[in-house]
Amino acid sequence: MFGLEHNQQIQIKTLVNFIVIKAEIEKKQGFSFVEIRIGNNPLKKLNFVLPVTEVNMLEVMTAQLLNLSLEDIRKIISYLKN
């Protein structure tokens, strides 16, 4: 068992990396804008225009682009439909 002395400091390193995906579906134009943010650094941002407007196809293409599972994509994607 591990015990700490009074006022003893410990350091814990954690790797927190998150992904936020925003998709704007432009039905009339026939494409979708996809913005992907990785972490909270504004420099880690990717933008794509995908030639689909169906949600399921947008999720599949985004999963392929990011090499993530479809289930993971569905947990983190949010939509704006026009």
PDB file of N, CA and C in Angstrom:
ATOM      1  N   MET A   1       0.844  -1.173   0.000  1.00  0.00           N
ATOM      2  CA  MET A   1       0.000   0.000   0.000  1.00  0.00           C
ATOM      3  C   MET A   1       0.889   1.235   0.000  1.00  0.00           C
ATOM      4  N   PHE A   2       0.452   2.258  -0.687  1.00  0.00           N
ATOM      5  CA  PHE A   2       1.222   3.485  -0.837  1.00  0.00           C
ATOM      6  C   PHE A   2       0.662   4.536   0.102  1.00  0.00           C
ATOM      7  N   GLY A   3       1.507   5.147   0.904  1.00  0.00           N
ATOM      8  CA  GLY A   3       1.059   6.201   1.810  1.00  0.00           C
ATOM      9  C   GLY A   3       1.807   7.493   1.541  1.00  0.00           C
ATOM     10  N   LEU A   4       1.183   8.611   1.806  1.00  0.00           N
ATOM     11  CA  LEU A   4       1.801   9.918   1.630  1.00  0.00           C
ATOM     12  C   LEU A   4       2.127  10.514   2.988  1.00  0.00           C
ATOM     13  N   GLU A   5       3.286  11.152   3.047  1.00  0.00           N
ATOM     14  CA  GLU A   5       3.651  11.883   4.245  1.00  0.00           C
ATOM     15  C   GLU A   5       2.903  13.216   4.237  1.00  0.00           C
ATOM     16  N   HIS A   6       2.763  13.816   5.379  1.00  0.00           N
ATOM     17  CA  HIS A   6       2.117  15.126   5.483  1.00  0.00           C
ATOM     18  C   HIS A   6       2.870  16.140   4.616  1.00  0.00           C
ATOM     19  N   ASN A   7       2.167  16.876   3.794  1.00  0.00           N
ATOM     20  CA  ASN A   7       2.701  17.890   2.881  1.00  0.00           C
ATOM     21  C   ASN A   7       3.582  17.320   1.772  1.00  0.00           C
ATOM     22  N   GLN A   8       3.546  16.040   1.551  1.00  0.00           N
ATOM     23  CA  GLN A   8       4.312  15.448   0.460  1.00  0.00           C
ATOM     24  C   GLN A   8       3.614  15.750  -0.864  1.00  0.00           C
ATOM     25  N   GLN A   9       4.385  16.154  -1.866  1.00  0.00           N
ATOM     26  CA  GLN A   9       3.818  16.471  -3.164  1.00  0.00           C
ATOM     27  C   GLN A   9       3.995  15.292  -4.110  1.00  0.00           C
ATOM     28  N   ILE A  10       2.993  15.094  -4.929  1.00  0.00           N
ATOM     29  CA  ILE A  10       3.094  14.083  -5.976  1.00  0.00           C
ATOM     30  C   ILE A  10       2.758  14.749  -7.296  1.00  0.00           C
ATOM     31  N   GLN A  11       3.293  14.215  -8.353  1.00  0.00           N
ATOM     32  CA  GLN A  11       3.003  14.720  -9.684  1.00  0.00           C
ATOM     33  C   GLN A  11       2.351  13.617 -10.498  1.00  0.00           C
ATOM     34  N   ILE A  12       1.285  13.984 -11.162  1.00  0.00           N
ATOM     35  CA  ILE A  12       0.594  13.042 -12.026  1.00  0.00           C
ATOM     36  C   ILE A  12       0.523  13.668 -13.406  1.00  0.00           C
ATOM     37  N   LYS A  13       1.018  12.959 -14.388  1.00  0.00           N
ATOM     38  CA  LYS A  13       0.918  13.431 -15.763  1.00  0.00           C
ATOM     39  C   LYS A  13      -0.264  12.746 -16.429  1.00  0.00           C
ATOM     40  N   THR A  14      -1.101  13.542 -17.050  1.00  0.00           N
ATOM     41  CA  THR A  14      -2.217  12.984 -17.793  1.00  0.00           C
ATOM     42  C   THR A  14      -2.164  13.494 -19.220  1.00  0.00           C
ATOM     43  N   LEU A  15      -2.516  12.654 -20.123  1.00  0.00           N
ATOM     44  CA  LEU A  15      -2.598  13.040 -21.517  1.00  0.00           C
ATOM     45  C   LEU A  15      -4.064  13.180 -21.876  1.00  0.00           C
ATOM     46  N   VAL A  16      -4.521  14.408 -21.929  1.00  0.00           N
ATOM     47  CA  VAL A  16      -5.907  14.665 -22.274  1.00  0.00           C
ATOM     48  C   VAL A  16      -5.924  15.244 -23.680  1.00  0.00           C
ATOM     49  N   ASN A  17      -6.534  14.528 -24.565  1.00  0.00           N
ATOM     50  CA  ASN A  17      -6.642  14.976 -25.941  1.00  0.00           C
ATOM     51  C   ASN A  17      -8.076  14.740 -26.369  1.00  0.00           C
ATOM     52  N   PHE A  18      -8.724  15.774 -26.826  1.00  0.00           N
ATOM     53  CA  PHE A  18     -10.107  15.605 -27.224  1.00  0.00           C
ATOM     54  C   PHE A  18     -10.311  16.086 -28.652  1.00  0.00           C
ATOM     55  N   ILE A  19     -11.354  15.599 -29.226  1.00  0.00           N
ATOM     56  CA  ILE A  19     -11.697  15.964 -30.592  1.00  0.00           C
ATOM     57  C   ILE A  19     -13.123  16.488 -30.599  1.00  0.00           C
ATOM     58  N   VAL A  20     -13.316  17.612 -31.253  1.00  0.00           N
ATOM     59  CA  VAL A  20     -14.646  18.179 -31.446  1.00  0.00           C
ATOM     60  C   VAL A  20     -14.869  18.263 -32.945  1.00  0.00           C
ATOM     61  N   ILE A  21     -16.006  17.768 -33.394  1.00  0.00           N
ATOM     62  CA  ILE A  21     -16.322  17.802 -34.818  1.00  0.00           C
ATOM     63  C   ILE A  21     -17.638  18.551 -35.008  1.00  0.00           C
ATOM     64  N   LYS A  22     -17.589  19.579 -35.840  1.00  0.00           N
ATOM     65  CA  LYS A  22     -18.801  20.317 -36.197  1.00  0.00           C
ATOM     66  C   LYS A  22     -19.032  20.121 -37.689  1.00  0.00           C
ATOM     67  N   ALA A  23     -20.225  19.755 -38.039  1.00  0.00           N
ATOM     68  CA  ALA A  23     -20.560  19.544 -39.446  1.00  0.00           C
ATOM     69  C   ALA A  23     -21.732  20.442 -39.820  1.00  0.00           C
ATOM     70  N   GLU A  24     -21.572  21.186 -40.897  1.00  0.00           N
ATOM     71  CA  GLU A  24     -22.641  22.029 -41.417  1.00  0.00           C
ATOM     72  C   GLU A  24     -23.065  21.455 -42.762  1.00  0.00           C
ATOM     73  N   ILE A  25     -24.281  20.955 -42.807  1.00  0.00           N
ATOM     74  CA  ILE A  25     -24.788  20.292 -44.007  1.00  0.00           C
ATOM     75  C   ILE A  25     -25.519  21.313 -44.868  1.00  0.00           C
ATOM     76  N   GLU A  26     -25.055  21.474 -46.098  1.00  0.00           N
ATOM     77  CA  GLU A  26     -25.660  22.396 -47.067  1.00  0.00           C
ATOM     78  C   GLU A  26     -26.427  21.555 -48.092  1.00  0.00           C
ATOM     79  N   LYS A  27     -27.652  21.190 -47.737  1.00  0.00           N
ATOM     80  CA  LYS A  27     -28.452  20.299 -48.599  1.00  0.00           C
ATOM     81  C   LYS A  27     -28.618  20.860 -50.013  1.00  0.00           C
ATOM     82  N   LYS A  28     -28.967  22.138 -50.131  1.00  0.00           N
ATOM     83  CA  LYS A  28     -29.225  22.730 -51.447  1.00  0.00           C
ATOM     84  C   LYS A  28     -27.984  22.763 -52.328  1.00  0.00           C
ATOM     85  N   GLN A  29     -26.818  22.974 -51.719  1.00  0.00           N
ATOM     86  CA  GLN A  29     -25.573  23.005 -52.487  1.00  0.00           C
ATOM     87  C   GLN A  29     -24.993  21.615 -52.728  1.00  0.00           C
ATOM     88  N   GLY A  30     -25.399  20.633 -51.941  1.00  0.00           N
ATOM     89  CA  GLY A  30     -24.958  19.261 -52.145  1.00  0.00           C
ATOM     90  C   GLY A  30     -23.621  18.907 -51.514  1.00  0.00           C
ATOM     91  N   PHE A  31     -23.238  19.621 -50.446  1.00  0.00           N
ATOM     92  CA  PHE A  31     -21.992  19.288 -49.762  1.00  0.00           C
ATOM     93  C   PHE A  31     -22.112  19.646 -48.285  1.00  0.00           C
ATOM     94  N   SER A  32     -21.078  19.261 -47.510  1.00  0.00           N
ATOM     95  CA  SER A  32     -21.030  19.550 -46.079  1.00  0.00           C
ATOM     96  C   SER A  32     -19.665  20.111 -45.710  1.00  0.00           C
ATOM     97  N   PHE A  33     -19.673  21.117 -44.839  1.00  0.00           N
ATOM     98  CA  PHE A  33     -18.440  21.633 -44.256  1.00  0.00           C
ATOM     99  C   PHE A  33     -18.200  20.874 -42.961  1.00  0.00           C
ATOM    100  N   VAL A  34     -16.966  20.420 -42.751  1.00  0.00           N
ATOM    101  CA  VAL A  34     -16.628  19.707 -41.517  1.00  0.00           C
ATOM    102  C   VAL A  34     -15.433  20.400 -40.886  1.00  0.00           C
ATOM    103  N   GLU A  35     -15.597  20.800 -39.627  1.00  0.00           N
ATOM    104  CA  GLU A  35     -14.506  21.411 -38.868  1.00  0.00           C
ATOM    105  C   GLU A  35     -14.121  20.457 -37.757  1.00  0.00           C
ATOM    106  N   ILE A  36     -12.841  20.159 -37.661  1.00  0.00           N
ATOM    107  CA  ILE A  36     -12.336  19.235 -36.648  1.00  0.00           C
ATOM    108  C   ILE A  36     -11.320  19.982 -35.801  1.00  0.00           C
ATOM    109  N   ARG A  37     -11.558  20.003 -34.487  1.00  0.00           N
ATOM    110  CA  ARG A  37     -10.614  20.617 -33.541  1.00  0.00           C
ATOM    111  C   ARG A  37     -10.048  19.516 -32.657  1.00  0.00           C
ATOM    112  N   ILE A  38      -8.738  19.526 -32.544  1.00  0.00           N
ATOM    113  CA  ILE A  38      -8.050  18.525 -31.733  1.00  0.00           C
ATOM    114  C   ILE A  38      -7.392  19.256 -30.572  1.00  0.00           C
ATOM    115  N   GLY A  39      -7.778  18.905 -29.363  1.00  0.00           N
ATOM    116  CA  GLY A  39      -7.266  19.612 -28.194  1.00  0.00           C
ATOM    117  C   GLY A  39      -7.847  21.001 -28.114  1.00  0.00           C
ATOM    118  N   ASN A  40      -7.247  21.855 -27.298  1.00  0.00           N
ATOM    119  CA  ASN A  40      -7.761  23.209 -27.174  1.00  0.00           C
ATOM    120  C   ASN A  40      -6.837  24.224 -27.842  1.00  0.00           C
ATOM    121  N   ASN A  41      -5.962  23.758 -28.705  1.00  0.00           N
ATOM    122  CA  ASN A  41      -5.039  24.614 -29.422  1.00  0.00           C
ATOM    123  C   ASN A  41      -5.669  25.021 -30.753  1.00  0.00           C
ATOM    124  N   PRO A  42      -5.833  26.327 -30.992  1.00  0.00           N
ATOM    125  CA  PRO A  42      -6.460  26.749 -32.253  1.00  0.00           C
ATOM    126  C   PRO A  42      -5.659  26.366 -33.492  1.00  0.00           C
ATOM    127  N   LEU A  43      -4.391  26.031 -33.322  1.00  0.00           N
ATOM    128  CA  LEU A  43      -3.579  25.624 -34.456  1.00  0.00           C
ATOM    129  C   LEU A  43      -3.863  24.191 -34.880  1.00  0.00           C
ATOM    130  N   LYS A  44      -4.529  23.452 -34.037  1.00  0.00           N
ATOM    131  CA  LYS A  44      -4.860  22.063 -34.353  1.00  0.00           C
ATOM    132  C   LYS A  44      -6.296  21.981 -34.841  1.00  0.00           C
ATOM    133  N   LYS A  45      -6.534  22.586 -35.978  1.00  0.00           N
ATOM    134  CA  LYS A  45      -7.879  22.647 -36.541  1.00  0.00           C
ATOM    135  C   LYS A  45      -7.804  22.257 -38.007  1.00  0.00           C
ATOM    136  N   LEU A  46      -8.714  21.399 -38.416  1.00  0.00           N
ATOM    137  CA  LEU A  46      -8.781  20.963 -39.805  1.00  0.00           C
ATOM    138  C   LEU A  46     -10.151  21.288 -40.359  1.00  0.00           C
ATOM    139  N   ASN A  47     -10.211  21.667 -41.618  1.00  0.00           N
ATOM    140  CA  ASN A  47     -11.484  21.936 -42.284  1.00  0.00           C
ATOM    141  C   ASN A  47     -11.558  21.119 -43.565  1.00  0.00           C
ATOM    142  N   PHE A  48     -12.721  20.525 -43.796  1.00  0.00           N
ATOM    143  CA  PHE A  48     -12.952  19.730 -44.992  1.00  0.00           C
ATOM    144  C   PHE A  48     -14.287  20.109 -45.613  1.00  0.00           C
ATOM    145  N   VAL A  49     -14.380  19.955 -46.902  1.00  0.00           N
ATOM    146  CA  VAL A  49     -15.661  20.034 -47.600  1.00  0.00           C
ATOM    147  C   VAL A  49     -15.868  18.651 -48.196  1.00  0.00           C
ATOM    148  N   LEU A  50     -16.963  18.009 -47.803  1.00  0.00           N
ATOM    149  CA  LEU A  50     -17.249  16.657 -48.278  1.00  0.00           C
ATOM    150  C   LEU A  50     -18.471  16.682 -49.191  1.00  0.00           C
ATOM    151  N   PRO A  51     -18.442  15.898 -50.260  1.00  0.00           N
ATOM    152  CA  PRO A  51     -19.517  15.936 -51.266  1.00  0.00           C
ATOM    153  C   PRO A  51     -20.743  15.098 -50.891  1.00  0.00           C
ATOM    154  N   VAL A  52     -21.148  15.163 -49.622  1.00  0.00           N
ATOM    155  CA  VAL A  52     -22.316  14.411 -49.160  1.00  0.00           C
ATOM    156  C   VAL A  52     -23.190  15.297 -48.276  1.00  0.00           C
ATOM    157  N   THR A  53     -24.486  14.980 -48.239  1.00  0.00           N
ATOM    158  CA  THR A  53     -25.403  15.711 -47.355  1.00  0.00           C
ATOM    159  C   THR A  53     -26.205  14.776 -46.461  1.00  0.00           C
ATOM    160  N   GLU A  54     -26.043  13.484 -46.640  1.00  0.00           N
ATOM    161  CA  GLU A  54     -26.724  12.515 -45.785  1.00  0.00           C
ATOM    162  C   GLU A  54     -25.873  12.277 -44.544  1.00  0.00           C
ATOM    163  N   VAL A  55     -26.506  12.324 -43.374  1.00  0.00           N
ATOM    164  CA  VAL A  55     -25.796  12.206 -42.108  1.00  0.00           C
ATOM    165  C   VAL A  55     -24.981  10.921 -42.027  1.00  0.00           C
ATOM    166  N   ASN A  56     -25.570   9.793 -42.402  1.00  0.00           N
ATOM    167  CA  ASN A  56     -24.839   8.523 -42.275  1.00  0.00           C
ATOM    168  C   ASN A  56     -23.587   8.496 -43.160  1.00  0.00           C
ATOM    169  N   MET A  57     -23.667   9.025 -44.364  1.00  0.00           N
ATOM    170  CA  MET A  57     -22.498   9.057 -45.245  1.00  0.00           C
ATOM    171  C   MET A  57     -21.446  10.047 -44.737  1.00  0.00           C
ATOM    172  N   LEU A  58     -21.898  11.159 -44.169  1.00  0.00           N
ATOM    173  CA  LEU A  58     -20.983  12.137 -43.592  1.00  0.00           C
ATOM    174  C   LEU A  58     -20.208  11.521 -42.432  1.00  0.00           C
ATOM    175  N   GLU A  59     -20.893  10.754 -41.597  1.00  0.00           N
ATOM    176  CA  GLU A  59     -20.234  10.078 -40.481  1.00  0.00           C
ATOM    177  C   GLU A  59     -19.225   9.043 -40.966  1.00  0.00           C
ATOM    178  N   VAL A  60     -19.587   8.280 -41.980  1.00  0.00           N
ATOM    179  CA  VAL A  60     -18.675   7.260 -42.527  1.00  0.00           C
ATOM    180  C   VAL A  60     -17.425   7.914 -43.096  1.00  0.00           C
ATOM    181  N   MET A  61     -17.589   8.970 -43.892  1.00  0.00           N
ATOM    182  CA  MET A  61     -16.433   9.635 -44.503  1.00  0.00           C
ATOM    183  C   MET A  61     -15.542  10.295 -43.447  1.00  0.00           C
ATOM    184  N   THR A  62     -16.155  10.885 -42.429  1.00  0.00           N
ATOM    185  CA  THR A  62     -15.375  11.512 -41.355  1.00  0.00           C
ATOM    186  C   THR A  62     -14.608  10.458 -40.564  1.00  0.00           C
ATOM    187  N   ALA A  63     -15.234   9.330 -40.297  1.00  0.00           N
ATOM    188  CA  ALA A  63     -14.553   8.233 -39.597  1.00  0.00           C
ATOM    189  C   ALA A  63     -13.346   7.749 -40.397  1.00  0.00           C
ATOM    190  N   GLN A  64     -13.509   7.651 -41.704  1.00  0.00           N
ATOM    191  CA  GLN A  64     -12.397   7.215 -42.555  1.00  0.00           C
ATOM    192  C   GLN A  64     -11.268   8.241 -42.559  1.00  0.00           C
ATOM    193  N   LEU A  65     -11.618   9.522 -42.632  1.00  0.00           N
ATOM    194  CA  LEU A  65     -10.603  10.579 -42.628  1.00  0.00           C
ATOM    195  C   LEU A  65      -9.771  10.574 -41.357  1.00  0.00           C
ATOM    196  N   LEU A  66     -10.428  10.348 -40.226  1.00  0.00           N
ATOM    197  CA  LEU A  66      -9.749  10.410 -38.931  1.00  0.00           C
ATOM    198  C   LEU A  66      -9.270   9.063 -38.419  1.00  0.00           C
ATOM    199  N   ASN A  67      -9.576   8.013 -39.162  1.00  0.00           N
ATOM    200  CA  ASN A  67      -9.215   6.663 -38.745  1.00  0.00           C
ATOM    201  C   ASN A  67      -9.799   6.331 -37.361  1.00  0.00           C
ATOM    202  N   LEU A  68     -11.071   6.709 -37.185  1.00  0.00           N
ATOM    203  CA  LEU A  68     -11.803   6.410 -35.961  1.00  0.00           C
ATOM    204  C   LEU A  68     -12.977   5.504 -36.293  1.00  0.00           C
ATOM    205  N   SER A  69     -13.547   4.905 -35.260  1.00  0.00           N
ATOM    206  CA  SER A  69     -14.715   4.062 -35.491  1.00  0.00           C
ATOM    207  C   SER A  69     -15.943   4.938 -35.711  1.00  0.00           C
ATOM    208  N   LEU A  70     -16.911   4.382 -36.363  1.00  0.00           N
ATOM    209  CA  LEU A  70     -18.172   5.080 -36.597  1.00  0.00           C
ATOM    210  C   LEU A  70     -18.852   5.425 -35.267  1.00  0.00           C
ATOM    211  N   GLU A  71     -18.747   4.524 -34.313  1.00  0.00           N
ATOM    212  CA  GLU A  71     -19.311   4.752 -32.983  1.00  0.00           C
ATOM    213  C   GLU A  71     -18.665   5.967 -32.312  1.00  0.00           C
ATOM    214  N   ASP A  72     -17.333   6.091 -32.422  1.00  0.00           N
ATOM    215  CA  ASP A  72     -16.636   7.234 -31.847  1.00  0.00           C
ATOM    216  C   ASP A  72     -17.075   8.538 -32.505  1.00  0.00           C
ATOM    217  N   ILE A  73     -17.198   8.525 -33.815  1.00  0.00           N
ATOM    218  CA  ILE A  73     -17.624   9.720 -34.542  1.00  0.00           C
ATOM    219  C   ILE A  73     -19.010  10.152 -34.085  1.00  0.00           C
ATOM    220  N   ARG A  74     -19.914   9.219 -33.955  1.00  0.00           N
ATOM    221  CA  ARG A  74     -21.288   9.552 -33.552  1.00  0.00           C
ATOM    222  C   ARG A  74     -21.361  10.158 -32.153  1.00  0.00           C
ATOM    223  N   LYS A  75     -20.383   9.859 -31.311  1.00  0.00           N
ATOM    224  CA  LYS A  75     -20.354  10.411 -29.961  1.00  0.00           C
ATOM    225  C   LYS A  75     -19.896  11.867 -29.949  1.00  0.00           C
ATOM    226  N   ILE A  76     -19.084  12.268 -30.927  1.00  0.00           N
ATOM    227  CA  ILE A  76     -18.451  13.586 -30.841  1.00  0.00           C
ATOM    228  C   ILE A  76     -18.848  14.573 -31.921  1.00  0.00           C
ATOM    229  N   ILE A  77     -19.678  14.166 -32.862  1.00  0.00           N
ATOM    230  CA  ILE A  77     -20.041  15.073 -33.960  1.00  0.00           C
ATOM    231  C   ILE A  77     -21.314  15.846 -33.607  1.00  0.00           C
ATOM    232  N   SER A  78     -21.345  17.093 -34.010  1.00  0.00           N
ATOM    233  CA  SER A  78     -22.568  17.888 -33.876  1.00  0.00           C
ATOM    234  C   SER A  78     -22.887  18.506 -35.219  1.00  0.00           C
ATOM    235  N   TYR A  79     -24.170  18.774 -35.472  1.00  0.00           N
ATOM    236  CA  TYR A  79     -24.628  19.170 -36.799  1.00  0.00           C
ATOM    237  C   TYR A  79     -25.338  20.510 -36.800  1.00  0.00           C
ATOM    238  N   LEU A  80     -25.169  21.197 -37.928  1.00  0.00           N
ATOM    239  CA  LEU A  80     -25.952  22.379 -38.252  1.00  0.00           C
ATOM    240  C   LEU A  80     -26.458  22.140 -39.661  1.00  0.00           C
ATOM    241  N   LYS A  81     -27.761  22.049 -39.807  1.00  0.00           N
ATOM    242  CA  LYS A  81     -28.343  21.756 -41.127  1.00  0.00           C
ATOM    243  C   LYS A  81     -28.913  23.032 -41.723  1.00  0.00           C
ATOM    244  N   ASN A  82     -28.568  23.279 -42.968  1.00  0.00           N
ATOM    245  CA  ASN A  82     -29.097  24.434 -43.714  1.00  0.00           C
ATOM    246  C   ASN A  82     -29.918  23.963 -44.879  1.00  0.00           C
TER     247      ASN A  82
END
